Amino acid sequence: MIRVILLLVILIVGLSLGFWIGRHNELPLTLGSTLVSERKPLYYRHPMNPQVTSTTPAKDEMGMDYVAVYAEDSTATSSSPKTGKILYYRHPMGAADTSPVPKKDEMGMDYLPVYESERARPGQIQISPEKIQQLGVKTATVAKRALNLSIRALGSIQIDERRVHTVSPKFEGWIQRLYVNTTGQAVKRGQPLLEAYSPELVTAQQEYLIAMQGQQALQQGSAQALGTARLLAENALQRLHYWDIAPAQLQRLKSLEKPLDTLPLLSPVNGVVMEKTAQEGMRFMPGEPLFRIADLSSVWLLAEVFEQDLAGARLGQMVQVHINAYPERQFSGKVGFIYPTLATETRTVKVRVELPNREGLLKPGLYGSVTLTALEGKEASLAVPDSAVIDSGIRQIVLLKRGNGQFEPRTVQLGLQADGYRQVLAGLEAGDEVVTRANFLIDAESNLKSALDGFSKNDAADAGQTPLQVQPGDH
């Protein structure tokens, strides 16, 4: 009987103990489930490309869900264990905010610790992968290439000064009839411009006719008298030549054997009337300009070349000209003259480009540009894209990618600039990788962090505390 009672007591105690242990084993499981369910992801990454991230749940181009990344996952996948002293805590999404103690952001996410082992070496900038993704950093490899240096200068079409002619009579007279009466009218060489009456012309014609008649009358006379008559006729004819009377009019004078009341004034060249002061019925004096005629079969492009590009302009150089009025066409010309003076206001020198204008498309006043090939690269040299250079005016810097989110500012010596690249004379080697996009943002962020470091050190020194160390590029 006693044995039965003892067995019942042991059974009851065992059941109670088992129930108590079961209850206590269930509690951690429930608590663990609750903790797992309350974890918040740092961000979401592309299922096929971890470099593409999103702050909110999203789908890729194939409809697959982005994968949530937690703080534990980020720590577990780290290529090297983070050890050492915690320097500070940074914002989990890369915002410009740090804290010396653990805290949460506005979404309830924990700030991430930054360890002493993550500290960038002196002279380098540390950027987190998330920040690199946000900035859109792009890089290019330093390599050798042949550079073709081309200079582009702006200018305008001008009249060839050597092809401008002024029509001005050498005698006094009146305009009886005006044939060319509009500016811009095209004229041909030998075309009558006007009919002029001049008492001097009439007198000269009469003297010539009298001399001719005397010469004919003295055909049977002495040689001396005949020579004198011939000399008088030649002098009268020469005076008409000096007054630009056309040979056809002189021939007409000989055939008619009487003076002409009016004589035509002819165009000396093919061209266009640029200026006209002549009016029908007006009186003119010797040397007075009546017409200004320009031959536009060849024109000039006067280009303004900056002084730093002047070495690329050479006499006789063949160039390509683009005219704004004809964007689909290209004109070829030759450098005919480089002006000897520099305009101090614009720091430019005029370069004259001679252009044939057989079709008459190049009208004076049209704007255009000329491309001068200053140097054709024959030997390849190291070069970086223009966008990779940060020029402070005193020195030129590029950001060299070192891996693991580290970038090193490197001072370089540059040469020619052509084809969107800068020649590298010193500071880089072939195969180096430099930042070509977002380099100004990285540089600005580095300068900001340097300023924050200075403020932190000054504040800590004032308080007698150890300064908070902030790595350039981390937030």
Protein backbone atom coordinates (compact mmCIF):
# COMPACT_ATOMS: atom_id res chain seq x y z
CA MET A 1 0.00 0.00 0.00
CA ILE A 2 2.76 2.35 0.91
CA ARG A 3 4.54 1.48 -2.31
CA VAL A 4 1.44 2.39 -4.33
CA ILE A 5 1.16 5.76 -2.58
CA LEU A 6 4.83 6.53 -3.30
CA LEU A 7 4.41 5.66 -6.99
CA LEU A 8 1.38 7.98 -7.25
CA VAL A 9 3.33 10.83 -5.59
CA ILE A 10 6.29 10.35 -7.94
CA LEU A 11 3.95 10.31 -10.99
CA ILE A 12 2.23 13.50 -9.88
CA VAL A 13 5.55 15.28 -9.27
CA GLY A 14 6.87 14.11 -12.65
CA LEU A 15 3.82 15.37 -14.52
CA SER A 16 3.98 18.73 -12.74
CA LEU A 17 7.68 19.06 -13.48
CA GLY A 18 7.18 18.18 -17.13
CA PHE A 19 4.36 20.69 -17.49
CA TRP A 20 6.48 23.39 -15.84
CA ILE A 21 9.48 22.64 -18.09
CA GLY A 22 7.27 22.65 -21.16
CA ARG A 23 5.84 26.03 -20.30
CA HIS A 24 9.28 27.51 -19.75
CA ASN A 25 10.67 26.02 -22.99
CA GLU A 26 7.77 27.47 -24.99
CA LEU A 27 8.37 31.01 -23.80
CA PRO A 28 11.74 31.59 -25.51
CA LEU A 29 10.39 30.19 -28.75
CA THR A 30 7.49 32.62 -28.72
CA LEU A 31 9.76 35.48 -27.73
CA GLY A 32 12.20 34.57 -30.53
CA SER A 33 9.39 34.50 -33.04
CA THR A 34 8.24 37.90 -31.87
CA LEU A 35 11.76 39.31 -32.20
CA VAL A 36 12.16 37.88 -35.70
CA SER A 37 8.83 39.27 -36.74
CA GLU A 38 9.77 42.73 -35.38
CA ARG A 39 13.09 42.97 -37.26
CA LYS A 40 13.17 45.77 -39.81
CA PRO A 41 15.26 45.46 -42.99
CA LEU A 42 18.00 47.97 -43.74
CA TYR A 43 17.09 48.03 -47.43
CA TYR A 44 16.00 45.77 -50.28
CA ARG A 45 18.40 44.53 -52.97
CA HIS A 46 17.88 43.31 -56.52
CA PRO A 47 17.57 39.48 -56.55
CA MET A 48 20.04 39.17 -59.46
CA ASN A 49 22.19 42.28 -58.97
CA PRO A 50 23.13 43.12 -55.36
CA GLN A 51 24.47 46.53 -56.43
CA VAL A 52 20.92 47.72 -57.19
CA THR A 53 19.04 48.58 -53.98
CA SER A 54 15.79 50.17 -52.88
CA THR A 55 14.60 51.67 -49.61
CA THR A 56 11.10 50.14 -50.06
CA PRO A 57 9.86 46.73 -51.26
CA ALA A 58 10.01 46.53 -55.06
CA LYS A 59 10.05 44.11 -57.99
CA ASP A 60 12.65 43.69 -60.72
CA GLU A 61 12.02 43.72 -64.46
CA MET A 62 11.06 39.99 -64.31
CA GLY A 63 8.55 40.47 -61.50
CA MET A 64 10.75 38.96 -58.77
CA ASP A 65 10.61 40.55 -55.30
CA TYR A 66 13.63 42.44 -54.04
CA VAL A 67 15.40 40.61 -51.18
CA ALA A 68 15.28 42.22 -47.74
CA VAL A 69 18.70 42.86 -46.16
CA TYR A 70 18.89 43.00 -42.35
CA ALA A 71 21.62 44.30 -40.12
CA GLU A 72 22.54 40.72 -39.16
CA ASP A 73 22.81 39.76 -42.84
CA SER A 74 25.03 42.74 -43.58
CA THR A 75 27.30 41.79 -40.68
CA ALA A 76 27.34 38.11 -41.60
CA THR A 77 28.26 38.75 -45.24
CA SER A 78 31.10 41.13 -44.44
CA SER A 79 34.31 40.06 -46.17
CA SER A 80 36.36 40.74 -43.04
CA PRO A 81 35.27 40.76 -39.40
CA LYS A 82 34.82 44.19 -37.88
CA THR A 83 36.86 44.36 -34.73
CA GLY A 84 38.28 46.96 -32.47
CA LYS A 85 36.88 50.03 -30.83
CA ILE A 86 33.59 51.53 -32.01
CA LEU A 87 34.37 55.04 -33.20
CA TYR A 88 30.78 56.23 -33.70
CA TYR A 89 27.39 55.19 -35.08
CA ARG A 90 26.22 56.23 -38.54
CA HIS A 91 22.78 56.63 -40.07
CA PRO A 92 21.61 53.28 -41.55
CA MET A 93 20.51 54.90 -44.84
CA GLY A 94 23.66 57.00 -45.34
CA ALA A 95 22.24 60.37 -44.29
CA ALA A 96 24.64 63.06 -43.02
CA ASP A 97 24.17 62.21 -39.36
CA THR A 98 26.35 60.40 -36.82
CA SER A 99 26.05 59.69 -33.12
CA PRO A 100 28.59 58.84 -30.41
CA VAL A 101 26.02 56.51 -28.76
CA PRO A 102 23.56 53.92 -30.13
CA LYS A 103 20.26 55.43 -31.35
CA LYS A 104 17.47 54.91 -33.86
CA ASP A 105 16.55 56.88 -36.95
CA GLU A 106 13.15 58.36 -37.78
CA MET A 107 11.94 54.96 -39.07
CA GLY A 108 13.01 53.10 -35.98
CA MET A 109 16.10 51.54 -37.56
CA ASP A 110 19.25 51.17 -35.46
CA TYR A 111 22.27 53.30 -36.29
CA LEU A 112 25.17 51.13 -37.55
CA PRO A 113 28.46 51.04 -35.62
CA VAL A 114 31.67 52.10 -37.34
CA TYR A 115 34.70 50.25 -36.03
CA GLU A 116 38.28 51.35 -35.82
CA SER A 117 39.22 48.58 -38.28
CA GLU A 118 37.06 50.28 -40.94
CA ARG A 119 39.00 53.48 -40.70
CA ALA A 120 40.48 54.67 -44.01
CA ARG A 121 44.20 55.15 -44.27
CA PRO A 122 45.54 58.72 -44.12
CA GLY A 123 45.00 60.55 -47.40
CA GLN A 124 42.10 58.31 -48.48
CA ILE A 125 38.33 58.77 -48.50
CA GLN A 126 36.03 56.02 -47.23
CA ILE A 127 32.58 55.76 -48.86
CA SER A 128 29.99 53.17 -47.89
CA PRO A 129 28.58 50.91 -50.65
CA GLU A 130 25.11 52.35 -50.10
CA LYS A 131 26.48 55.89 -50.55
CA ILE A 132 28.40 54.90 -53.69
CA GLN A 133 25.13 53.57 -55.11
CA GLN A 134 23.25 56.74 -54.21
CA LEU A 135 25.88 59.06 -55.69
CA GLY A 136 25.99 57.14 -58.97
CA VAL A 137 29.77 56.87 -58.98
CA LYS A 138 31.32 55.87 -62.32
CA THR A 139 34.95 55.15 -63.09
CA ALA A 140 37.25 54.84 -66.13
CA THR A 141 40.58 53.12 -66.67
CA VAL A 142 43.65 55.21 -67.46
CA ALA A 143 45.01 54.13 -70.86
CA LYS A 144 47.12 55.41 -73.72
CA ARG A 145 45.42 57.07 -76.68
CA ALA A 146 46.31 59.30 -79.62
CA LEU A 147 44.92 62.82 -79.15
CA ASN A 148 43.82 65.07 -81.99
CA LEU A 149 43.74 68.68 -80.83
CA SER A 150 41.13 70.73 -82.66
CA ILE A 151 40.39 74.41 -82.06
CA ARG A 152 36.95 75.85 -82.76
CA ALA A 153 36.64 79.60 -83.26
CA LEU A 154 33.62 81.75 -84.02
CA GLY A 155 33.48 84.45 -86.66
CA SER A 156 31.44 86.11 -89.39
CA ILE A 157 31.52 86.39 -93.17
CA GLN A 158 33.09 89.62 -94.44
CA ILE A 159 33.75 91.14 -97.87
CA ASP A 160 37.19 90.51 -99.35
CA GLU A 161 38.73 93.96 -99.07
CA ARG A 162 40.85 93.32 -102.17
CA ARG A 163 37.71 92.86 -104.28
CA VAL A 164 35.98 96.14 -103.44
CA HIS A 165 35.90 98.83 -106.17
CA THR A 166 34.73 102.43 -105.93
CA VAL A 167 33.38 104.07 -109.08
CA SER A 168 34.30 107.76 -109.07
CA PRO A 169 34.62 109.88 -112.24
CA LYS A 170 37.75 111.87 -113.02
CA PHE A 171 35.89 114.78 -114.53
CA GLU A 172 33.08 117.14 -113.58
CA GLY A 173 29.63 116.49 -115.00
CA TRP A 174 25.95 115.69 -114.59
CA ILE A 175 24.11 112.37 -114.53
CA GLN A 176 21.74 112.40 -117.46
CA ARG A 177 20.48 108.83 -117.03
CA LEU A 178 20.96 106.29 -114.25
CA TYR A 179 20.93 102.60 -115.25
CA VAL A 180 21.82 100.99 -111.88
CA ASN A 181 19.56 102.64 -109.34
CA THR A 182 19.29 100.15 -106.41
CA THR A 183 21.67 98.94 -103.74
CA GLY A 184 22.31 95.20 -103.88
CA GLN A 185 21.89 95.02 -107.64
CA ALA A 186 24.28 92.62 -109.40
CA VAL A 187 26.36 94.09 -112.21
CA LYS A 188 28.73 92.70 -114.82
CA ARG A 189 32.11 93.99 -115.88
CA GLY A 190 31.67 96.62 -118.63
CA GLN A 191 27.97 97.14 -117.88
CA PRO A 192 26.90 100.82 -118.14
CA LEU A 193 26.09 102.30 -114.76
CA LEU A 194 24.99 105.78 -115.93
CA GLU A 195 25.11 108.28 -118.79
CA ALA A 196 27.08 111.44 -117.96
CA TYR A 197 27.25 114.84 -119.62
CA SER A 198 30.43 116.85 -119.14
CA PRO A 199 31.62 120.02 -120.94
CA GLU A 200 35.18 118.81 -120.41
CA LEU A 201 34.40 115.58 -122.26
CA VAL A 202 32.82 117.44 -125.15
CA THR A 203 35.84 119.74 -125.40
CA ALA A 204 38.25 116.84 -125.30
CA GLN A 205 36.33 115.06 -128.06
CA GLN A 206 36.38 118.17 -130.22
CA GLU A 207 40.13 118.56 -129.73
CA TYR A 208 40.62 114.96 -130.75
CA LEU A 209 38.49 115.34 -133.90
CA ILE A 210 40.31 118.55 -134.89
CA ALA A 211 43.66 116.83 -134.40
CA MET A 212 42.50 113.89 -136.53
CA GLN A 213 41.32 116.23 -139.28
CA GLY A 214 44.59 118.15 -139.20
CA GLN A 215 46.54 114.91 -139.41
CA GLN A 216 44.58 113.91 -142.50
CA ALA A 217 45.04 117.35 -144.11
CA LEU A 218 48.82 117.26 -143.59
CA GLN A 219 49.33 113.87 -145.20
CA GLN A 220 51.05 115.61 -148.13
CA GLY A 221 52.81 118.19 -145.93
CA SER A 222 56.19 118.14 -144.29
CA ALA A 223 57.16 115.37 -141.94
CA GLN A 224 57.51 117.82 -139.05
CA ALA A 225 54.00 119.22 -139.51
CA LEU A 226 52.58 115.71 -139.89
CA GLY A 227 54.33 114.55 -136.73
CA THR A 228 53.00 117.50 -134.76
CA ALA A 229 49.41 116.80 -135.91
CA ARG A 230 49.78 113.12 -135.05
CA LEU A 231 51.11 114.00 -131.58
CA LEU A 232 48.17 116.32 -130.90
CA ALA A 233 45.68 113.58 -131.89
CA GLU A 234 47.40 111.00 -129.67
CA ASN A 235 47.44 113.39 -126.68
CA ALA A 236 43.72 114.14 -127.09
CA LEU A 237 42.94 110.42 -127.32
CA GLN A 238 45.11 109.63 -124.31
CA ARG A 239 43.27 112.21 -122.22
CA LEU A 240 39.97 110.45 -123.02
CA HIS A 241 41.59 107.15 -121.94
CA TYR A 242 42.65 108.71 -118.67
CA TRP A 243 39.04 109.71 -118.04
CA ASP A 244 38.03 106.04 -118.36
CA ILE A 245 36.15 106.45 -121.62
CA ALA A 246 35.55 102.94 -122.98
CA PRO A 247 37.39 101.89 -126.20
CA ALA A 248 34.02 101.17 -127.83
CA GLN A 249 32.97 104.77 -127.28
CA LEU A 250 36.22 106.05 -128.75
CA GLN A 251 35.68 103.86 -131.79
CA ARG A 252 32.19 105.28 -132.12
CA LEU A 253 33.66 108.79 -131.87
CA LYS A 254 36.02 108.02 -134.76
CA SER A 255 33.28 106.56 -136.94
CA LEU A 256 30.77 109.38 -136.36
CA GLU A 257 33.41 112.14 -136.54
CA LYS A 258 31.40 114.31 -134.18
CA PRO A 259 31.48 114.68 -130.38
CA LEU A 260 29.03 112.64 -128.28
CA ASP A 261 26.79 114.64 -125.94
CA THR A 262 26.88 111.99 -123.19
CA LEU A 263 29.24 109.13 -122.42
CA PRO A 264 28.54 106.01 -120.29
CA LEU A 265 30.34 105.20 -117.04
CA LEU A 266 31.01 101.43 -116.93
CA SER A 267 31.32 98.91 -114.09
CA PRO A 268 34.98 97.85 -113.62
CA VAL A 269 34.16 94.37 -112.14
CA ASN A 270 31.53 91.69 -111.69
CA GLY A 271 29.89 92.18 -108.33
CA VAL A 272 27.13 93.62 -106.22
CA VAL A 273 26.40 97.28 -105.56
CA MET A 274 27.04 97.75 -101.84
CA GLU A 275 26.67 101.55 -101.75
CA LYS A 276 25.14 104.07 -104.19
CA THR A 277 25.18 107.84 -103.90
CA ALA A 278 24.42 108.53 -107.57
CA GLN A 279 21.04 110.03 -108.40
CA GLU A 280 19.64 110.93 -111.78
CA GLY A 281 20.17 114.63 -112.59
CA MET A 282 22.75 115.23 -109.87
CA ARG A 283 26.02 117.03 -110.44
CA PHE A 284 29.23 115.28 -109.50
CA MET A 285 32.77 116.45 -109.03
CA PRO A 286 36.04 114.71 -109.90
CA GLY A 287 36.82 111.95 -107.38
CA GLU A 288 33.33 111.88 -105.89
CA PRO A 289 32.33 108.19 -105.14
CA LEU A 290 29.13 107.30 -106.97
CA PHE A 291 29.13 103.50 -106.54
CA ARG A 292 30.85 100.94 -104.27
CA ILE A 293 30.88 97.52 -105.92
CA ALA A 294 32.08 94.32 -104.21
CA ASP A 295 33.09 91.10 -105.95
CA LEU A 296 31.59 88.32 -103.75
CA SER A 297 32.98 85.36 -105.71
CA SER A 298 35.42 84.98 -102.82
CA VAL A 299 34.80 86.12 -99.23
CA TRP A 300 36.52 86.08 -95.85
CA LEU A 301 35.60 84.51 -92.54
CA LEU A 302 37.14 86.60 -89.76
CA ALA A 303 37.42 84.23 -86.79
CA GLU A 304 38.28 85.24 -83.23
CA VAL A 305 40.91 82.82 -81.86
CA PHE A 306 41.75 82.93 -78.15
CA GLU A 307 45.36 83.64 -77.31
CA GLN A 308 45.91 80.19 -75.72
CA ASP A 309 44.80 78.57 -79.00
CA LEU A 310 46.76 80.84 -81.32
CA ALA A 311 49.59 78.34 -81.76
CA GLY A 312 47.15 76.07 -83.61
CA ALA A 313 46.60 78.58 -86.44
CA ARG A 314 49.06 78.41 -89.34
CA LEU A 315 49.22 80.26 -92.66
CA GLY A 316 48.04 78.16 -95.57
CA GLN A 317 46.26 75.70 -93.28
CA MET A 318 43.15 74.07 -94.78
CA VAL A 319 40.14 74.37 -92.47
CA GLN A 320 36.49 73.34 -92.28
CA VAL A 321 33.87 76.05 -91.88
CA HIS A 322 30.32 75.63 -90.58
CA ILE A 323 27.81 78.39 -91.32
CA ASN A 324 24.79 78.71 -89.02
CA ALA A 325 22.48 79.42 -91.95
CA TYR A 326 23.41 76.14 -93.65
CA PRO A 327 23.81 73.54 -90.87
CA GLU A 328 23.68 70.63 -93.31
CA ARG A 329 26.60 71.93 -95.43
CA GLN A 330 30.31 72.19 -94.83
CA PHE A 331 32.62 74.69 -96.53
CA SER A 332 36.37 74.42 -97.04
CA GLY A 333 38.75 77.33 -96.80
CA LYS A 334 42.34 78.33 -96.21
CA VAL A 335 43.98 80.48 -93.54
CA GLY A 336 45.20 83.50 -95.51
CA PHE A 337 46.33 85.87 -92.78
CA ILE A 338 46.81 86.08 -89.00
CA TYR A 339 46.39 89.62 -87.76
CA PRO A 340 49.37 91.07 -85.87
CA THR A 341 47.44 92.57 -82.93
CA LEU A 342 45.43 91.14 -80.03
CA ALA A 343 42.14 92.56 -78.79
CA THR A 344 42.73 93.23 -75.10
CA GLU A 345 39.00 93.26 -74.32
CA THR A 346 38.39 89.69 -75.50
CA ARG A 347 41.97 88.33 -75.50
CA THR A 348 41.52 87.13 -79.07
CA VAL A 349 43.39 87.46 -82.37
CA LYS A 350 41.63 87.67 -85.72
CA VAL A 351 42.39 84.93 -88.22
CA ARG A 352 41.33 85.44 -91.84
CA VAL A 353 39.97 82.40 -93.66
CA GLU A 354 39.53 82.74 -97.42
CA LEU A 355 36.45 80.99 -98.83
CA PRO A 356 35.33 80.55 -102.45
CA ASN A 357 31.73 81.68 -102.96
CA ARG A 358 30.82 80.60 -106.48
CA GLU A 359 27.21 79.85 -105.52
CA GLY A 360 26.75 83.14 -103.68
CA LEU A 361 25.55 81.42 -100.48
CA LEU A 362 28.09 83.09 -98.22
CA LYS A 363 26.60 86.50 -97.60
CA PRO A 364 28.48 89.17 -95.63
CA GLY A 365 27.37 89.23 -92.01
CA LEU A 366 26.50 85.53 -91.66
CA TYR A 367 27.81 83.88 -88.51
CA GLY A 368 29.85 80.70 -88.61
CA SER A 369 32.61 78.72 -86.95
CA VAL A 370 35.91 77.34 -88.13
CA THR A 371 37.66 74.18 -86.93
CA LEU A 372 41.46 74.34 -86.85
CA THR A 373 43.36 71.08 -86.45
CA ALA A 374 46.21 72.19 -84.24
CA LEU A 375 47.83 68.79 -83.61
CA GLU A 376 47.30 65.34 -85.00
CA GLY A 377 48.33 62.77 -82.43
CA LYS A 378 50.96 60.39 -83.80
CA GLU A 379 52.17 58.90 -80.53
CA ALA A 380 49.75 57.59 -77.91
CA SER A 381 50.04 58.98 -74.39
CA LEU A 382 48.26 58.43 -71.10
CA ALA A 383 44.93 60.25 -70.96
CA VAL A 384 41.91 60.56 -68.68
CA PRO A 385 38.42 61.89 -69.46
CA ASP A 386 37.87 65.60 -68.86
CA SER A 387 35.18 64.81 -66.28
CA ALA A 388 37.74 63.00 -64.09
CA VAL A 389 39.73 66.18 -63.40
CA ILE A 390 38.97 68.46 -60.47
CA ASP A 391 40.72 71.75 -61.32
CA SER A 392 41.12 74.19 -58.44
CA GLY A 393 42.97 76.69 -60.59
CA ILE A 394 46.20 75.99 -58.70
CA ARG A 395 46.43 72.24 -59.12
CA GLN A 396 44.58 69.41 -60.83
CA ILE A 397 43.32 66.40 -58.86
CA VAL A 398 41.71 63.06 -59.76
CA LEU A 399 40.09 60.54 -57.42
CA LEU A 400 41.81 57.16 -57.66
CA LYS A 401 39.67 54.13 -56.80
CA ARG A 402 41.40 51.85 -54.31
CA GLY A 403 38.65 49.24 -53.69
CA ASN A 404 36.48 48.48 -50.65
CA GLY A 405 34.85 51.89 -50.97
CA GLN A 406 38.13 53.77 -50.60
CA PHE A 407 39.22 56.61 -52.88
CA GLU A 408 42.52 58.46 -52.93
CA PRO A 409 42.90 62.07 -54.15
CA ARG A 410 45.87 62.20 -56.52
CA THR A 411 47.55 65.35 -57.81
CA VAL A 412 48.36 65.02 -61.51
CA GLN A 413 50.28 66.99 -64.11
CA LEU A 414 48.24 67.45 -67.28
CA GLY A 415 49.12 68.36 -70.85
CA LEU A 416 46.98 68.73 -73.96
CA GLN A 417 43.20 68.77 -73.90
CA ALA A 418 41.56 67.18 -76.95
CA ASP A 419 38.69 64.90 -77.95
CA GLY A 420 37.18 65.06 -74.45
CA TYR A 421 40.40 63.82 -72.79
CA ARG A 422 43.34 65.34 -70.93
CA GLN A 423 46.89 64.16 -71.46
CA VAL A 424 48.53 62.89 -68.24
CA LEU A 425 52.20 63.80 -67.89
CA ALA A 426 52.69 62.62 -64.31
CA GLY A 427 50.76 61.23 -61.35
CA LEU A 428 49.01 58.19 -62.87
CA GLU A 429 49.92 54.90 -64.51
CA ALA A 430 48.21 52.79 -67.14
CA GLY A 431 45.52 50.61 -65.57
CA ASP A 432 44.67 53.01 -62.74
CA GLU A 433 40.94 53.51 -62.21
CA VAL A 434 39.72 57.08 -61.72
CA VAL A 435 36.27 58.48 -60.88
CA THR A 436 34.56 60.20 -63.82
CA ARG A 437 31.15 60.85 -62.31
CA ALA A 438 30.18 62.19 -58.86
CA ASN A 439 33.85 63.06 -58.18
CA PHE A 440 32.86 66.61 -57.20
CA LEU A 441 30.27 65.20 -54.77
CA ILE A 442 32.86 62.88 -53.20
CA ASP A 443 35.33 65.75 -52.95
CA ALA A 444 32.70 68.04 -51.41
CA GLU A 445 31.69 65.32 -48.96
CA SER A 446 35.33 64.77 -47.99
CA ASN A 447 35.80 68.50 -47.38
CA LEU A 448 32.61 68.59 -45.30
CA LYS A 449 33.77 65.69 -43.16
CA SER A 450 37.16 67.31 -42.70
CA ALA A 451 35.40 70.42 -41.42
CA LEU A 452 33.24 68.32 -39.09
CA ASP A 453 36.39 66.61 -37.80
CA GLY A 454 37.86 70.01 -37.02
CA PHE A 455 34.72 71.11 -35.16
CA SER A 456 34.60 67.83 -33.23
CA LYS A 457 38.24 68.11 -32.18
CA ASN A 458 37.84 71.72 -31.08
CA ASP A 459 34.70 70.95 -29.09
CA ALA A 460 36.32 67.93 -27.47
CA ALA A 461 39.42 69.91 -26.59
CA ASP A 462 37.29 72.58 -24.97
CA ALA A 463 35.45 69.92 -22.94
CA GLY A 464 38.64 67.99 -22.09
CA GLN A 465 37.30 64.90 -23.85
CA THR A 466 38.61 62.57 -26.54
CA PRO A 467 37.50 63.90 -29.94
CA LEU A 468 35.01 61.94 -32.02
CA GLN A 469 36.71 60.63 -35.15
CA VAL A 470 34.61 60.79 -38.33
CA GLN A 471 35.88 59.10 -41.46
CA PRO A 472 35.65 61.10 -44.71
CA GLY A 473 32.77 59.87 -46.83
CA ASP A 474 30.86 58.12 -43.98
CA HIS A 475 27.66 59.47 -42.52
